[in-house]
């Protein structure tokens, strides 16, 4: 049976900028075969991401993002699952 494909919109707040959150999320996503993007929002304390891939792989990246890299302090996270679109071929950091 084929793995279920999903898309997730993720917003993480706290000490998540300036702690290599995006670079580490990109590494974790690529290790799990997840595509999409991650970016910092202008408020200085929020990271936003869109993840696409097999449900289990996307959930692994989401679980990682609940704590992030060692220097991060995640205070709040929200996830919204959306219909899979398959629009990404890689995972990139948007600057």
PDB file of N, CA and C in Angstrom:
ATOM      1  N   UNK A   1       0.837  -1.195   0.000  1.00  0.00           N
ATOM      2  CA  UNK A   1       0.000   0.000   0.000  1.00  0.00           C
ATOM      3  C   UNK A   1       0.878   1.254   0.000  1.00  0.00           C
ATOM      4  N   UNK A   2       0.466   2.224  -0.764  1.00  0.00           N
ATOM      5  CA  UNK A   2       1.221   3.480  -0.834  1.00  0.00           C
ATOM      6  C   UNK A   2       1.037   4.271   0.457  1.00  0.00           C
ATOM      7  N   UNK A   3       2.108   4.961   0.861  1.00  0.00           N
ATOM      8  CA  UNK A   3       2.019   5.825   2.043  1.00  0.00           C
ATOM      9  C   UNK A   3       1.134   7.017   1.718  1.00  0.00           C
ATOM     10  N   UNK A   4       0.370   7.440   2.706  1.00  0.00           N
ATOM     11  CA  UNK A   4      -0.480   8.607   2.526  1.00  0.00           C
ATOM     12  C   UNK A   4       0.381   9.861   2.419  1.00  0.00           C
ATOM     13  N   UNK A   5       0.124  10.670   1.399  1.00  0.00           N
ATOM     14  CA  UNK A   5       0.849  11.925   1.206  1.00  0.00           C
ATOM     15  C   UNK A   5       0.063  13.062   1.858  1.00  0.00           C
ATOM     16  N   UNK A   6       0.787  13.946   2.550  1.00  0.00           N
ATOM     17  CA  UNK A   6       0.128  15.069   3.226  1.00  0.00           C
ATOM     18  C   UNK A   6       0.913  16.357   3.009  1.00  0.00           C
ATOM     19  N   UNK A   7       0.243  17.446   3.304  1.00  0.00           N
ATOM     20  CA  UNK A   7       0.850  18.779   3.316  1.00  0.00           C
ATOM     21  C   UNK A   7       0.512  19.377   4.678  1.00  0.00           C
ATOM     22  N   UNK A   8       1.486  20.010   5.305  1.00  0.00           N
ATOM     23  CA  UNK A   8       1.241  20.620   6.603  1.00  0.00           C
ATOM     24  C   UNK A   8       1.791  22.041   6.615  1.00  0.00           C
ATOM     25  N   UNK A   9       1.004  22.950   7.191  1.00  0.00           N
ATOM     26  CA  UNK A   9       1.447  24.328   7.403  1.00  0.00           C
ATOM     27  C   UNK A   9       1.775  24.437   8.878  1.00  0.00           C
ATOM     28  N   UNK A  10       3.001  24.849   9.180  1.00  0.00           N
ATOM     29  CA  UNK A  10       3.517  24.842  10.536  1.00  0.00           C
ATOM     30  C   UNK A  10       3.958  26.249  10.925  1.00  0.00           C
ATOM     31  N   UNK A  11       3.578  26.681  12.130  1.00  0.00           N
ATOM     32  CA  UNK A  11       4.019  27.963  12.675  1.00  0.00           C
ATOM     33  C   UNK A  11       4.590  27.678  14.059  1.00  0.00           C
ATOM     34  N   UNK A  12       5.851  28.079  14.278  1.00  0.00           N
ATOM     35  CA  UNK A  12       6.533  27.826  15.547  1.00  0.00           C
ATOM     36  C   UNK A  12       6.976  29.166  16.117  1.00  0.00           C
ATOM     37  N   UNK A  13       6.646  29.411  17.399  1.00  0.00           N
ATOM     38  CA  UNK A  13       6.991  30.684  18.048  1.00  0.00           C
ATOM     39  C   UNK A  13       7.875  30.431  19.254  1.00  0.00           C
ATOM     40  N   UNK A  14       8.728  31.417  19.547  1.00  0.00           N
ATOM     41  CA  UNK A  14       9.617  31.346  20.696  1.00  0.00           C
ATOM     42  C   UNK A  14      10.989  31.865  20.308  1.00  0.00           C
ATOM     43  N   UNK A  15      12.029  31.277  20.900  1.00  0.00           N
ATOM     44  CA  UNK A  15      13.403  31.621  20.521  1.00  0.00           C
ATOM     45  C   UNK A  15      13.758  30.669  19.383  1.00  0.00           C
ATOM     46  N   UNK A  16      13.340  31.047  18.173  1.00  0.00           N
ATOM     47  CA  UNK A  16      13.510  30.164  17.009  1.00  0.00           C
ATOM     48  C   UNK A  16      14.215  30.865  15.855  1.00  0.00           C
ATOM     49  N   UNK A  17      14.638  32.107  16.062  1.00  0.00           N
ATOM     50  CA  UNK A  17      15.436  32.798  15.047  1.00  0.00           C
ATOM     51  C   UNK A  17      16.816  33.054  15.630  1.00  0.00           C
ATOM     52  N   UNK A  18      17.849  32.895  14.796  1.00  0.00           N
ATOM     53  CA  UNK A  18      19.218  33.094  15.251  1.00  0.00           C
ATOM     54  C   UNK A  18      19.772  31.895  15.998  1.00  0.00           C
ATOM     55  N   UNK A  19      19.081  30.740  15.899  1.00  0.00           N
ATOM     56  CA  UNK A  19      19.543  29.520  16.584  1.00  0.00           C
ATOM     57  C   UNK A  19      19.670  28.351  15.603  1.00  0.00           C
ATOM     58  N   UNK A  20      19.782  28.668  14.305  1.00  0.00           N
ATOM     59  CA  UNK A  20      19.933  27.671  13.235  1.00  0.00           C
ATOM     60  C   UNK A  20      18.714  26.761  13.111  1.00  0.00           C
ATOM     61  N   UNK A  21      17.528  27.284  13.477  1.00  0.00           N
ATOM     62  CA  UNK A  21      16.294  26.503  13.374  1.00  0.00           C
ATOM     63  C   UNK A  21      16.023  26.118  11.925  1.00  0.00           C
ATOM     64  N   UNK A  22      16.104  27.105  11.010  1.00  0.00           N
ATOM     65  CA  UNK A  22      15.784  26.825   9.604  1.00  0.00           C
ATOM     66  C   UNK A  22      16.752  25.834   8.992  1.00  0.00           C
ATOM     67  N   UNK A  23      18.053  26.028   9.232  1.00  0.00           N
ATOM     68  CA  UNK A  23      19.055  25.125   8.648  1.00  0.00           C
ATOM     69  C   UNK A  23      18.870  23.703   9.168  1.00  0.00           C
ATOM     70  N   UNK A  24      18.589  23.575  10.455  1.00  0.00           N
ATOM     71  CA  UNK A  24      18.377  22.250  11.029  1.00  0.00           C
ATOM     72  C   UNK A  24      17.068  21.632  10.547  1.00  0.00           C
ATOM     73  N   UNK A  25      16.024  22.446  10.396  1.00  0.00           N
ATOM     74  CA  UNK A  25      14.769  21.908   9.867  1.00  0.00           C
ATOM     75  C   UNK A  25      14.976  21.409   8.442  1.00  0.00           C
ATOM     76  N   UNK A  26      15.751  22.143   7.651  1.00  0.00           N
ATOM     77  CA  UNK A  26      16.032  21.708   6.280  1.00  0.00           C
ATOM     78  C   UNK A  26      16.750  20.364   6.299  1.00  0.00           C
ATOM     79  N   UNK A  27      17.729  20.206   7.176  1.00  0.00           N
ATOM     80  CA  UNK A  27      18.467  18.935   7.287  1.00  0.00           C
ATOM     81  C   UNK A  27      17.524  17.797   7.673  1.00  0.00           C
ATOM     82  N   UNK A  28      16.698  18.020   8.692  1.00  0.00           N
ATOM     83  CA  UNK A  28      15.773  16.984   9.164  1.00  0.00           C
ATOM     84  C   UNK A  28      14.755  16.635   8.071  1.00  0.00           C
ATOM     85  N   UNK A  29      14.247  17.650   7.384  1.00  0.00           N
ATOM     86  CA  UNK A  29      13.292  17.413   6.302  1.00  0.00           C
ATOM     87  C   UNK A  29      13.925  16.584   5.192  1.00  0.00           C
ATOM     88  N   UNK A  30      15.148  16.957   4.787  1.00  0.00           N
ATOM     89  CA  UNK A  30      15.817  16.233   3.712  1.00  0.00           C
ATOM     90  C   UNK A  30      16.128  14.798   4.127  1.00  0.00           C
ATOM     91  N   UNK A  31      16.524  14.589   5.385  1.00  0.00           N
ATOM     92  CA  UNK A  31      16.796  13.230   5.879  1.00  0.00           C
ATOM     93  C   UNK A  31      15.540  12.364   5.822  1.00  0.00           C
ATOM     94  N   UNK A  32      14.369  13.000   5.926  1.00  0.00           N
ATOM     95  CA  UNK A  32      13.104  12.279   5.939  1.00  0.00           C
ATOM     96  C   UNK A  32      12.381  12.305   4.595  1.00  0.00           C
ATOM     97  N   UNK A  33      13.019  12.882   3.568  1.00  0.00           N
ATOM     98  CA  UNK A  33      12.411  12.919   2.238  1.00  0.00           C
ATOM     99  C   UNK A  33      11.221  13.861   2.148  1.00  0.00           C
ATOM    100  N   UNK A  34      11.208  14.885   3.002  1.00  0.00           N
ATOM    101  CA  UNK A  34      10.109  15.854   3.024  1.00  0.00           C
ATOM    102  C   UNK A  34      10.504  17.073   2.189  1.00  0.00           C
ATOM    103  N   UNK A  35       9.568  17.581   1.400  1.00  0.00           N
ATOM    104  CA  UNK A  35       9.819  18.765   0.585  1.00  0.00           C
ATOM    105  C   UNK A  35       9.028  19.944   1.132  1.00  0.00           C
ATOM    106  N   UNK A  36       9.366  21.152   0.649  1.00  0.00           N
ATOM    107  CA  UNK A  36       8.656  22.354   1.066  1.00  0.00           C
ATOM    108  C   UNK A  36       9.617  23.482   1.343  1.00  0.00           C
ATOM    109  N   UNK A  37       9.301  24.300   2.350  1.00  0.00           N
ATOM    110  CA  UNK A  37      10.129  25.465   2.651  1.00  0.00           C
ATOM    111  C   UNK A  37       9.965  25.872   4.109  1.00  0.00           C
ATOM    112  N   UNK A  38      10.913  26.688   4.573  1.00  0.00           N
ATOM    113  CA  UNK A  38      10.856  27.273   5.913  1.00  0.00           C
ATOM    114  C   UNK A  38      11.372  28.703   5.819  1.00  0.00           C
ATOM    115  N   UNK A  39      10.793  29.595   6.619  1.00  0.00           N
ATOM    116  CA  UNK A  39      11.255  30.989   6.620  1.00  0.00           C
ATOM    117  C   UNK A  39      11.018  31.610   7.995  1.00  0.00           C
ATOM    118  N   UNK A  40      11.800  32.657   8.281  1.00  0.00           N
ATOM    119  CA  UNK A  40      11.574  33.476   9.463  1.00  0.00           C
ATOM    120  C   UNK A  40      10.499  34.506   9.128  1.00  0.00           C
ATOM    121  N   UNK A  41       9.661  34.823  10.100  1.00  0.00           N
ATOM    122  CA  UNK A  41       8.706  35.916   9.925  1.00  0.00           C
ATOM    123  C   UNK A  41       9.301  37.174  10.549  1.00  0.00           C
ATOM    124  N   UNK A  42       8.849  38.344  10.086  1.00  0.00           N
ATOM    125  CA  UNK A  42       9.487  39.602  10.482  1.00  0.00           C
ATOM    126  C   UNK A  42       9.384  39.941  11.969  1.00  0.00           C
ATOM    127  N   UNK A  43       8.529  39.266  12.732  1.00  0.00           N
ATOM    128  CA  UNK A  43       8.383  39.614  14.150  1.00  0.00           C
ATOM    129  C   UNK A  43       9.599  39.219  14.991  1.00  0.00           C
ATOM    130  N   UNK A  44      10.530  38.440  14.410  1.00  0.00           N
ATOM    131  CA  UNK A  44      11.745  38.081  15.132  1.00  0.00           C
ATOM    132  C   UNK A  44      11.604  36.883  16.058  1.00  0.00           C
ATOM    133  N   UNK A  45      10.407  36.323  16.158  1.00  0.00           N
ATOM    134  CA  UNK A  45      10.225  35.184  17.061  1.00  0.00           C
ATOM    135  C   UNK A  45       9.323  34.086  16.500  1.00  0.00           C
ATOM    136  N   UNK A  46       9.152  34.088  15.182  1.00  0.00           N
ATOM    137  CA  UNK A  46       8.287  33.085  14.568  1.00  0.00           C
ATOM    138  C   UNK A  46       8.953  32.511  13.317  1.00  0.00           C
ATOM    139  N   UNK A  47       8.825  31.185  13.170  1.00  0.00           N
ATOM    140  CA  UNK A  47       9.252  30.482  11.960  1.00  0.00           C
ATOM    141  C   UNK A  47       8.014  29.848  11.354  1.00  0.00           C
ATOM    142  N   UNK A  48       7.890  29.944  10.023  1.00  0.00           N
ATOM    143  CA  UNK A  48       6.769  29.352   9.300  1.00  0.00           C
ATOM    144  C   UNK A  48       7.317  28.348   8.308  1.00  0.00           C
ATOM    145  N   UNK A  49       6.596  27.244   8.124  1.00  0.00           N
ATOM    146  CA  UNK A  49       7.049  26.224   7.175  1.00  0.00           C
ATOM    147  C   UNK A  49       5.859  25.554   6.507  1.00  0.00           C
ATOM    148  N   UNK A  50       6.099  25.058   5.288  1.00  0.00           N
ATOM    149  CA  UNK A  50       5.161  24.176   4.605  1.00  0.00           C
ATOM    150  C   UNK A  50       5.926  22.898   4.314  1.00  0.00           C
ATOM    151  N   UNK A  51       5.354  21.774   4.730  1.00  0.00           N
ATOM    152  CA  UNK A  51       5.992  20.464   4.576  1.00  0.00           C
ATOM    153  C   UNK A  51       5.103  19.584   3.719  1.00  0.00           C
ATOM    154  N   UNK A  52       5.718  18.841   2.799  1.00  0.00           N
ATOM    155  CA  UNK A  52       4.961  17.876   2.003  1.00  0.00           C
ATOM    156  C   UNK A  52       5.717  16.561   1.942  1.00  0.00           C
ATOM    157  N   UNK A  53       4.950  15.472   1.989  1.00  0.00           N
ATOM    158  CA  UNK A  53       5.560  14.147   1.864  1.00  0.00           C
ATOM    159  C   UNK A  53       4.680  13.090   2.495  1.00  0.00           C
ATOM    160  N   UNK A  54       5.285  11.909   2.724  1.00  0.00           N
ATOM    161  CA  UNK A  54       4.570  10.828   3.392  1.00  0.00           C
ATOM    162  C   UNK A  54       4.190  11.281   4.797  1.00  0.00           C
ATOM    163  N   UNK A  55       2.990  10.918   5.232  1.00  0.00           N
ATOM    164  CA  UNK A  55       2.489  11.383   6.531  1.00  0.00           C
ATOM    165  C   UNK A  55       3.492  11.113   7.660  1.00  0.00           C
ATOM    166  N   UNK A  56       4.035   9.897   7.733  1.00  0.00           N
ATOM    167  CA  UNK A  56       4.970   9.569   8.816  1.00  0.00           C
ATOM    168  C   UNK A  56       6.199  10.475   8.799  1.00  0.00           C
ATOM    169  N   UNK A  57       6.721  10.742   7.609  1.00  0.00           N
ATOM    170  CA  UNK A  57       7.910  11.592   7.479  1.00  0.00           C
ATOM    171  C   UNK A  57       7.599  13.033   7.881  1.00  0.00           C
ATOM    172  N   UNK A  58       6.468  13.553   7.419  1.00  0.00           N
ATOM    173  CA  UNK A  58       6.063  14.915   7.773  1.00  0.00           C
ATOM    174  C   UNK A  58       5.867  15.012   9.281  1.00  0.00           C
ATOM    175  N   UNK A  59       5.254  13.992   9.885  1.00  0.00           N
ATOM    176  CA  UNK A  59       5.037  14.014  11.332  1.00  0.00           C
ATOM    177  C   UNK A  59       6.358  13.967  12.098  1.00  0.00           C
ATOM    178  N   UNK A  60       7.372  13.267  11.560  1.00  0.00           N
ATOM    179  CA  UNK A  60       8.693  13.255  12.207  1.00  0.00           C
ATOM    180  C   UNK A  60       9.297  14.656  12.219  1.00  0.00           C
ATOM    181  N   UNK A  61       9.169  15.394  11.112  1.00  0.00           N
ATOM    182  CA  UNK A  61       9.698  16.764  11.055  1.00  0.00           C
ATOM    183  C   UNK A  61       8.920  17.667  12.021  1.00  0.00           C
ATOM    184  N   UNK A  62       7.607  17.495  12.068  1.00  0.00           N
ATOM    185  CA  UNK A  62       6.796  18.289  13.002  1.00  0.00           C
ATOM    186  C   UNK A  62       7.224  17.992  14.438  1.00  0.00           C
ATOM    187  N   UNK A  63       7.403  16.717  14.782  1.00  0.00           N
ATOM    188  CA  UNK A  63       7.834  16.352  16.141  1.00  0.00           C
ATOM    189  C   UNK A  63       9.177  16.991  16.466  1.00  0.00           C
ATOM    190  N   UNK A  64      10.113  16.971  15.507  1.00  0.00           N
ATOM    191  CA  UNK A  64      11.414  17.612  15.721  1.00  0.00           C
ATOM    192  C   UNK A  64      11.217  19.107  16.002  1.00  0.00           C
ATOM    193  N   UNK A  65      10.312  19.732  15.248  1.00  0.00           N
ATOM    194  CA  UNK A  65      10.142  21.191  15.361  1.00  0.00           C
ATOM    195  C   UNK A  65       9.546  21.615  16.704  1.00  0.00           C
ATOM    196  N   UNK A  66       8.970  20.695  17.451  1.00  0.00           N
ATOM    197  CA  UNK A  66       8.385  21.042  18.750  1.00  0.00           C
ATOM    198  C   UNK A  66       9.454  21.364  19.786  1.00  0.00           C
ATOM    199  N   UNK A  67      10.701  20.947  19.502  1.00  0.00           N
ATOM    200  CA  UNK A  67      11.819  21.348  20.376  1.00  0.00           C
ATOM    201  C   UNK A  67      12.915  22.050  19.585  1.00  0.00           C
ATOM    202  N   UNK A  68      13.090  21.694  18.308  1.00  0.00           N
ATOM    203  CA  UNK A  68      14.082  22.357  17.457  1.00  0.00           C
ATOM    204  C   UNK A  68      15.501  22.027  17.861  1.00  0.00           C
ATOM    205  N   UNK A  69      16.466  22.821  17.376  1.00  0.00           N
ATOM    206  CA  UNK A  69      17.869  22.595  17.717  1.00  0.00           C
ATOM    207  C   UNK A  69      18.118  22.954  19.188  1.00  0.00           C
ATOM    208  N   UNK A  70      19.287  22.569  19.726  1.00  0.00           N
ATOM    209  CA  UNK A  70      19.550  22.751  21.160  1.00  0.00           C
ATOM    210  C   UNK A  70      19.340  24.172  21.684  1.00  0.00           C
ATOM    211  N   UNK A  71      19.660  25.207  20.905  1.00  0.00           N
ATOM    212  CA  UNK A  71      19.579  26.589  21.398  1.00  0.00           C
ATOM    213  C   UNK A  71      18.156  27.154  21.337  1.00  0.00           C
ATOM    214  N   UNK A  72      17.246  26.464  20.670  1.00  0.00           N
ATOM    215  CA  UNK A  72      15.883  26.970  20.494  1.00  0.00           C
ATOM    216  C   UNK A  72      15.055  26.772  21.770  1.00  0.00           C
ATOM    217  N   UNK A  73      14.084  27.666  21.949  1.00  0.00           N
ATOM    218  CA  UNK A  73      13.085  27.519  23.008  1.00  0.00           C
ATOM    219  C   UNK A  73      11.721  27.689  22.342  1.00  0.00           C
ATOM    220  N   UNK A  74      11.048  26.577  22.075  1.00  0.00           N
ATOM    221  CA  UNK A  74       9.742  26.618  21.422  1.00  0.00           C
ATOM    222  C   UNK A  74       8.677  26.863  22.481  1.00  0.00           C
ATOM    223  N   UNK A  75       7.951  27.971  22.301  1.00  0.00           N
ATOM    224  CA  UNK A  75       6.903  28.335  23.259  1.00  0.00           C
ATOM    225  C   UNK A  75       5.516  27.934  22.761  1.00  0.00           C
ATOM    226  N   UNK A  76       5.372  27.870  21.452  1.00  0.00           N
ATOM    227  CA  UNK A  76       4.052  27.597  20.879  1.00  0.00           C
ATOM    228  C   UNK A  76       4.252  27.056  19.473  1.00  0.00           C
ATOM    229  N   UNK A  77       3.417  26.098  19.080  1.00  0.00           N
ATOM    230  CA  UNK A  77       3.477  25.565  17.716  1.00  0.00           C
ATOM    231  C   UNK A  77       2.069  25.222  17.268  1.00  0.00           C
ATOM    232  N   UNK A  78       1.770  25.516  16.021  1.00  0.00           N
ATOM    233  CA  UNK A  78       0.474  25.126  15.465  1.00  0.00           C
ATOM    234  C   UNK A  78       0.696  24.467  14.113  1.00  0.00           C
ATOM    235  N   UNK A  79      -0.102  23.448  13.851  1.00  0.00           N
ATOM    236  CA  UNK A  79       0.002  22.686  12.606  1.00  0.00           C
ATOM    237  C   UNK A  79      -1.387  22.580  12.002  1.00  0.00           C
ATOM    238  N   UNK A  80      -1.457  22.815  10.698  1.00  0.00           N
ATOM    239  CA  UNK A  80      -2.710  22.618   9.976  1.00  0.00           C
ATOM    240  C   UNK A  80      -2.411  21.689   8.803  1.00  0.00           C
ATOM    241  N   UNK A  81      -3.092  20.546   8.768  1.00  0.00           N
ATOM    242  CA  UNK A  81      -2.925  19.622   7.640  1.00  0.00           C
ATOM    243  C   UNK A  81      -3.831  20.061   6.496  1.00  0.00           C
ATOM    244  N   UNK A  82      -3.264  20.026   5.293  1.00  0.00           N
ATOM    245  CA  UNK A  82      -3.952  20.483   4.092  1.00  0.00           C
ATOM    246  C   UNK A  82      -3.854  19.401   3.021  1.00  0.00           C
ATOM    247  N   UNK A  83      -4.640  19.500   1.959  1.00  0.00           N
ATOM    248  CA  UNK A  83      -4.526  18.516   0.882  1.00  0.00           C
ATOM    249  C   UNK A  83      -3.135  18.560   0.237  1.00  0.00           C
ATOM    250  N   UNK A  84      -2.581  17.386  -0.012  1.00  0.00           N
ATOM    251  CA  UNK A  84      -1.267  17.270  -0.659  1.00  0.00           C
ATOM    252  C   UNK A  84      -1.342  17.848  -2.063  1.00  0.00           C
ATOM    253  N   UNK A  85      -0.321  18.645  -2.430  1.00  0.00           N
ATOM    254  CA  UNK A  85      -0.299  19.242  -3.769  1.00  0.00           C
ATOM    255  C   UNK A  85       0.889  18.782  -4.606  1.00  0.00           C
ATOM    256  N   UNK A  86       1.951  18.302  -3.965  1.00  0.00           N
ATOM    257  CA  UNK A  86       3.112  17.824  -4.711  1.00  0.00           C
ATOM    258  C   UNK A  86       3.822  18.905  -5.500  1.00  0.00           C
ATOM    259  N   UNK A  87       3.825  20.139  -4.993  1.00  0.00           N
ATOM    260  CA  UNK A  87       4.383  21.231  -5.787  1.00  0.00           C
ATOM    261  C   UNK A  87       5.875  21.459  -5.576  1.00  0.00           C
ATOM    262  N   UNK A  88       6.508  20.773  -4.619  1.00  0.00           N
ATOM    263  CA  UNK A  88       7.925  21.018  -4.320  1.00  0.00           C
ATOM    264  C   UNK A  88       8.777  19.812  -4.705  1.00  0.00           C
ATOM    265  N   UNK A  89       9.996  20.106  -5.131  1.00  0.00           N
ATOM    266  CA  UNK A  89      10.928  19.029  -5.485  1.00  0.00           C
ATOM    267  C   UNK A  89      12.066  18.932  -4.475  1.00  0.00           C
ATOM    268  N   UNK A  90      12.166  19.909  -3.583  1.00  0.00           N
ATOM    269  CA  UNK A  90      13.233  19.923  -2.586  1.00  0.00           C
ATOM    270  C   UNK A  90      12.718  20.661  -1.356  1.00  0.00           C
ATOM    271  N   UNK A  91      13.590  20.833  -0.365  1.00  0.00           N
ATOM    272  CA  UNK A  91      13.209  21.614   0.814  1.00  0.00           C
ATOM    273  C   UNK A  91      14.148  22.795   0.875  1.00  0.00           C
ATOM    274  N   UNK A  92      13.597  24.008   0.885  1.00  0.00           N
ATOM    275  CA  UNK A  92      14.482  25.173   0.867  1.00  0.00           C
ATOM    276  C   UNK A  92      14.178  26.162   1.968  1.00  0.00           C
ATOM    277  N   UNK A  93      15.191  26.950   2.264  1.00  0.00           N
ATOM    278  CA  UNK A  93      15.057  28.048   3.204  1.00  0.00           C
ATOM    279  C   UNK A  93      14.730  29.282   2.382  1.00  0.00           C
ATOM    280  N   UNK A  94      13.660  29.968   2.742  1.00  0.00           N
ATOM    281  CA  UNK A  94      13.290  31.216   2.075  1.00  0.00           C
ATOM    282  C   UNK A  94      13.842  32.362   2.925  1.00  0.00           C
ATOM    283  N   UNK A  95      14.618  33.232   2.289  1.00  0.00           N
ATOM    284  CA  UNK A  95      15.201  34.379   2.999  1.00  0.00           C
ATOM    285  C   UNK A  95      14.433  35.638   2.696  1.00  0.00           C
TER     286      UNK A  95
END
